[in-house]
C-alpha atoms as a PDB file:
ATOM      1  CA  ASN A   1     120.551  51.062 184.574  1.00  0.00           C
ATOM      2  CA  GLY A   2     119.512  50.426 188.075  1.00  0.00           C
ATOM      3  CA  SER A   3     115.966  51.662 187.948  1.00  0.00           C
ATOM      4  CA  GLY A   4     115.113  49.574 184.889  1.00  0.00           C
ATOM      5  CA  THR A   5     116.412  46.535 186.893  1.00  0.00           C
ATOM      6  CA  GLN A   6     114.417  47.213 189.919  1.00  0.00           C
ATOM      7  CA  ILE A   7     111.216  47.834 187.505  1.00  0.00           C
ATOM      8  CA  ALA A   8     112.022  44.447 185.917  1.00  0.00           C
ATOM      9  CA  VAL A   9     112.268  42.837 189.357  1.00  0.00           C
ATOM     10  CA  LEU A  10     109.180  44.191 190.490  1.00  0.00           C
ATOM     11  CA  ILE A  11     107.106  43.159 187.347  1.00  0.00           C
ATOM     12  CA  ILE A  12     108.408  39.603 187.625  1.00  0.00           C
ATOM     13  CA  LEU A  13     107.750  39.383 191.469  1.00  0.00           C
ATOM     14  CA  ALA A  14     104.031  40.753 190.759  1.00  0.00           C
ATOM     15  CA  ALA A  15     103.550  38.196 188.109  1.00  0.00           C
ATOM     16  CA  VAL A  16     104.825  35.151 190.357  1.00  0.00           C
ATOM     17  CA  ALA A  17     102.744  36.684 193.433  1.00  0.00           C
ATOM     18  CA  PHE A  18      99.378  37.390 191.481  1.00  0.00           C
ATOM     19  CA  PHE A  19      99.450  33.947 189.087  1.00  0.00           C
ATOM     20  CA  GLY A  20     100.964  31.670 191.917  1.00  0.00           C
ATOM     21  CA  SER A  21      98.560  32.959 194.545  1.00  0.00           C
ATOM     22  CA  ILE A  22      95.688  31.945 192.224  1.00  0.00           C
ATOM     23  CA  LEU A  23      97.137  28.765 191.092  1.00  0.00           C
ATOM     24  CA  LEU A  24      97.566  27.650 194.830  1.00  0.00           C
ATOM     25  CA  ALA A  25      94.144  28.837 195.657  1.00  0.00           C
ATOM     26  CA  VAL A  26      92.624  26.861 192.495  1.00  0.00           C
ATOM     27  CA  PHE A  27      94.607  23.576 193.619  1.00  0.00           C
ATOM     28  CA  PHE A  28      94.197  23.548 197.609  1.00  0.00           C
ATOM     29  CA  LEU A  29      91.185  25.777 198.559  1.00  0.00           C
ATOM     30  CA  ALA A  30      87.461  24.344 199.198  1.00  0.00           C
ATOM     31  CA  GLU A  31      85.001  25.808 196.454  1.00  0.00           C
ATOM     32  CA  ASP A  32      83.624  28.368 199.057  1.00  0.00           C
ATOM     33  CA  THR A  33      86.806  29.665 199.855  1.00  0.00           C
ATOM     34  CA  LEU A  34      88.138  29.766 196.731  1.00  0.00           C
ATOM     35  CA  ASP A  35      84.920  32.018 195.581  1.00  0.00           C
ATOM     36  CA  THR A  36      85.778  34.507 198.444  1.00  0.00           C
ATOM     37  CA  PHE A  37      89.786  34.487 197.439  1.00  0.00           C
ATOM     38  CA  VAL A  38      88.688  35.360 194.023  1.00  0.00           C
ATOM     39  CA  TYR A  39      86.257  38.192 194.990  1.00  0.00           C
ATOM     40  CA  ILE A  40      89.084  39.548 197.428  1.00  0.00           C
ATOM     41  CA  LEU A  41      91.412  39.764 194.479  1.00  0.00           C
ATOM     42  CA  VAL A  42      89.011  41.222 192.289  1.00  0.00           C
ATOM     43  CA  MET A  43      88.249  43.910 195.100  1.00  0.00           C
ATOM     44  CA  ILE A  44      92.095  44.742 195.471  1.00  0.00           C
ATOM     45  CA  GLN A  45      92.361  45.241 191.780  1.00  0.00           C
ATOM     46  CA  GLN A  46      89.417  47.557 191.552  1.00  0.00           C
ATOM     47  CA  VAL A  47      90.662  49.633 194.663  1.00  0.00           C
ATOM     48  CA  ILE A  48      94.088  50.033 192.706  1.00  0.00           C
ATOM     49  CA  GLN A  49      92.579  50.996 189.592  1.00  0.00           C
ATOM     50  CA  ILE A  50      90.305  53.504 191.347  1.00  0.00           C
ATOM     51  CA  GLY A  51      92.983  54.805 193.479  1.00  0.00           C
ATOM     52  CA  SER A  52      95.449  55.072 190.582  1.00  0.00           C
ATOM     53  CA  GLU A  53      92.889  57.392 188.585  1.00  0.00           C
ATOM     54  CA  ALA A  54      92.153  59.440 191.872  1.00  0.00           C
ATOM     55  CA  SER A  55      95.907  59.566 192.985  1.00  0.00           C
ATOM     56  CA  ARG A  56      96.696  62.023 189.985  1.00  0.00           C
ATOM     57  CA  LEU A  57      95.392  64.936 192.077  1.00  0.00           C
ATOM     58  CA  MET A  58      97.296  63.802 195.143  1.00  0.00           C
ATOM     59  CA  PRO A  59     101.172  64.273 196.005  1.00  0.00           C
ATOM     60  CA  GLU A  60     103.685  62.578 194.020  1.00  0.00           C
ATOM     61  CA  THR A  61     104.699  59.894 196.751  1.00  0.00           C
ATOM     62  CA  ILE A  62     101.056  58.346 196.890  1.00  0.00           C
ATOM     63  CA  GLN A  63     100.914  58.642 192.902  1.00  0.00           C
ATOM     64  CA  GLN A  64     104.377  56.525 192.755  1.00  0.00           C
ATOM     65  CA  GLY A  65     102.702  54.005 195.325  1.00  0.00           C
ATOM     66  CA  PHE A  66      99.541  53.313 193.154  1.00  0.00           C
ATOM     67  CA  ALA A  67     101.972  53.034 190.043  1.00  0.00           C
ATOM     68  CA  LEU A  68     103.670  50.209 192.015  1.00  0.00           C
ATOM     69  CA  MET A  69     100.703  48.757 193.218  1.00  0.00           C
ATOM     70  CA  SER A  70      99.227  48.976 189.477  1.00  0.00           C
ATOM     71  CA  LEU A  71     101.873  46.293 188.555  1.00  0.00           C
ATOM     72  CA  VAL A  72      99.182  43.605 190.044  1.00  0.00           C
ATOM     73  CA  LEU A  73      96.847  44.618 187.463  1.00  0.00           C
ATOM     74  CA  PHE A  74      99.550  44.499 184.858  1.00  0.00           C
ATOM     75  CA  ASP A  75      99.124  47.908 183.943  1.00  0.00           C
ATOM     76  CA  TYR A  76     102.553  48.824 182.266  1.00  0.00           C
ATOM     77  CA  ASN A  77     101.882  52.183 181.502  1.00  0.00           C
ATOM     78  CA  PHE A  78     105.329  53.337 182.063  1.00  0.00           C
ATOM     79  CA  ILE A  79     106.497  51.852 178.847  1.00  0.00           C
ATOM     80  CA  ARG A  80     105.082  52.679 175.534  1.00  0.00           C
ATOM     81  CA  PRO A  81     106.085  51.295 172.073  1.00  0.00           C
ATOM     82  CA  GLY A  82     109.001  52.642 171.013  1.00  0.00           C
ATOM     83  CA  CYS A  83     110.608  53.656 174.195  1.00  0.00           C
ATOM     84  CA  ALA A  84     112.496  51.651 176.809  1.00  0.00           C
ATOM     85  CA  VAL A  85     112.928  52.034 180.542  1.00  0.00           C
ATOM     86  CA  GLY A  86     116.497  50.902 180.941  1.00  0.00           C
ATOM     87  CA  ILE A  87     116.761  47.157 180.232  1.00  0.00           C
ATOM     88  CA  LEU A  88     113.050  47.015 179.516  1.00  0.00           C
ATOM     89  CA  THR A  89     111.870  47.644 175.951  1.00  0.00           C
ATOM     90  CA  PHE A  90     108.394  47.659 174.915  1.00  0.00           C
ATOM     91  CA  PRO A  91     108.549  44.192 172.830  1.00  0.00           C
ATOM     92  CA  SER A  92     110.429  42.671 175.958  1.00  0.00           C
ATOM     93  CA  VAL A  93     107.636  43.606 178.337  1.00  0.00           C
ATOM     94  CA  TYR A  94     104.685  42.518 175.872  1.00  0.00           C
ATOM     95  CA  GLY A  95     106.385  39.308 174.870  1.00  0.00           C
ATOM     96  CA  GLY A  96     107.341  38.715 178.820  1.00  0.00           C
ATOM     97  CA  TYR A  97     103.728  39.197 179.591  1.00  0.00           C
ATOM     98  CA  LEU A  98     102.400  36.775 176.826  1.00  0.00           C
ATOM     99  CA  VAL A  99     104.866  34.020 178.036  1.00  0.00           C
ATOM    100  CA  VAL A 100     104.033  34.640 181.647  1.00  0.00           C
ATOM    101  CA  SER A 101     100.254  34.302 180.691  1.00  0.00           C
ATOM    102  CA  PHE A 102     100.639  31.368 178.409  1.00  0.00           C
ATOM    103  CA  VAL A 103     102.555  29.492 181.068  1.00  0.00           C
ATOM    104  CA  PHE A 104      99.844  30.550 183.836  1.00  0.00           C
ATOM    105  CA  VAL A 105      96.966  29.171 181.412  1.00  0.00           C
ATOM    106  CA  VAL A 106      98.927  25.941 181.258  1.00  0.00           C
ATOM    107  CA  LEU A 107      99.595  25.490 184.869  1.00  0.00           C
ATOM    108  CA  PHE A 108      95.971  26.667 185.826  1.00  0.00           C
ATOM    109  CA  LEU A 109      94.407  24.066 183.513  1.00  0.00           C
ATOM    110  CA  LEU A 110      96.768  21.402 185.119  1.00  0.00           C
ATOM    111  CA  ALA A 111      95.603  22.389 188.739  1.00  0.00           C
ATOM    112  CA  SER A 112      92.063  22.471 187.778  1.00  0.00           C
ATOM    113  CA  THR A 113      92.667  18.883 186.277  1.00  0.00           C
ATOM    114  CA  LEU A 114      94.240  17.666 189.040  1.00  0.00           C
ATOM    115  CA  ARG A 115      91.870  19.219 191.773  1.00  0.00           C
ATOM    116  CA  SER A 116      89.064  17.426 189.946  1.00  0.00           C
ATOM    117  CA  TYR A 117      90.889  13.918 190.000  1.00  0.00           C
ATOM    118  CA  ILE A 118      91.893  14.483 193.581  1.00  0.00           C
ATOM    119  CA  LEU A 119      89.030  16.109 195.382  1.00  0.00           C
END
């Protein structure tokens, strides 16, 4: 199914962009710049969350836009236990999220450790 594949690609791209930007920021940015970067990410997440809730009363196009942006929050409300969207099943999305999160934690710890020795 084409739409299931597109959703899978969007989820992977969102995870790589989100986790990758944090990982690079932890390793390369100065402390004050890193604080600002994290603050901006949190604000973006809040805007997306609020917009997702408010968009329920707006046209479908806006709802779909906020649904796509909610991938940044890892809010996969399009899939529930027992259902599937194309190639995506609930166990595959949940398992994938756990694997990506674990890999990110390991890379984050590695970047933090290297940062403390280099900087």
